[in-house]
Structures are given as C-alpha cells and as structure tokens.
C-alpha cells in the first residue's frame, strides 16, 4: 500500500502548531488594497485559527 501524499496546495497555506491547532492567513489581503478601508486591512493582518468545522478536512489533507 503506497503512502498518502500531503496536499501541496494546503501545506503552503496552513501552519500547524505543536498542540495541533491550525493557522492560516486572512483572505482578501492579496490585491486591491487601495480600495479597501484602512480599518479593514488592519483587521485582516496577521493569522487566524481555522474554524472547527474545517479542521477535520484540513488535517486529512495534511496527512494527520
């Protein structure tokens, strides 16, 4: 039986902590920044924890 491969798209976007939590960047911060309010762009900086509803699916893609 061959080994499962890690999904190469999700491994670039998600970081897993030592305790098993999943973190990713906020969406909407790639382009068109000049049309977005400064308050919004400040709120979207940094990282966020992936929701509990998506955790099982993302961990499966990461091979965990």
Protein backbone atom coordinates (compact mmCIF):
# COMPACT_ATOMS: atom_id res chain seq x y z
CA UNK A 1 0.00 0.00 0.00
CA UNK A 2 1.57 3.36 -1.00
CA UNK A 3 1.92 6.23 1.43
CA UNK A 4 -0.57 9.09 1.32
CA UNK A 5 0.78 12.32 -0.11
CA UNK A 6 0.32 15.66 1.59
CA UNK A 7 -1.82 18.07 -0.43
CA UNK A 8 0.77 20.51 -1.77
CA UNK A 9 -1.71 23.40 -2.01
CA UNK A 10 -2.81 23.20 1.61
CA UNK A 11 0.69 22.79 3.03
CA UNK A 12 1.61 26.20 1.58
CA UNK A 13 -1.40 27.88 3.18
CA UNK A 14 -1.78 26.29 6.62
CA UNK A 15 0.59 26.10 9.57
CA UNK A 16 0.13 23.57 12.38
CA UNK A 17 1.23 24.32 15.93
CA UNK A 18 2.75 21.96 18.44
CA UNK A 19 -0.60 21.49 20.16
CA UNK A 20 -2.30 20.66 16.84
CA UNK A 21 -4.08 23.93 16.11
CA UNK A 22 -4.27 25.10 12.50
CA UNK A 23 -3.45 28.68 11.49
CA UNK A 24 -3.71 30.48 8.16
CA UNK A 25 -3.69 33.99 6.72
CA UNK A 26 -6.85 36.04 6.41
CA UNK A 27 -8.37 36.15 2.94
CA UNK A 28 -8.77 39.36 0.99
CA UNK A 29 -5.26 40.74 1.54
CA UNK A 30 -3.64 39.99 -1.83
CA UNK A 31 -4.65 42.87 -4.06
CA UNK A 32 -6.89 45.95 -4.49
CA UNK A 33 -5.67 47.32 -1.16
CA UNK A 34 -6.17 50.93 -2.24
CA UNK A 35 -9.96 50.41 -2.46
CA UNK A 36 -10.30 48.82 0.98
CA UNK A 37 -10.65 50.85 4.17
CA UNK A 38 -7.58 51.02 6.40
CA UNK A 39 -9.64 49.64 9.27
CA UNK A 40 -10.37 46.51 7.25
CA UNK A 41 -6.78 45.96 6.14
CA UNK A 42 -5.54 46.31 9.72
CA UNK A 43 -8.10 43.76 10.87
CA UNK A 44 -7.04 41.29 8.18
CA UNK A 45 -3.31 41.38 9.02
CA UNK A 46 -1.77 38.51 10.93
CA UNK A 47 -3.05 34.97 11.18
CA UNK A 48 -6.31 33.34 12.23
CA UNK A 49 -7.21 29.95 13.59
CA UNK A 50 -9.05 27.66 11.18
CA UNK A 51 -12.64 27.03 12.23
CA UNK A 52 -13.62 23.82 13.98
CA UNK A 53 -15.90 22.89 11.07
CA UNK A 54 -12.94 22.83 8.64
CA UNK A 55 -10.30 21.33 10.96
CA UNK A 56 -11.08 17.68 10.22
CA UNK A 57 -10.98 18.20 6.45
CA UNK A 58 -7.75 20.23 6.52
CA UNK A 59 -5.97 17.76 8.80
CA UNK A 60 -6.88 14.96 6.39
CA UNK A 61 -5.34 16.93 3.51
CA UNK A 62 -2.20 17.46 5.61
CA UNK A 63 -1.98 13.74 6.31
CA UNK A 64 -2.63 13.94 10.04
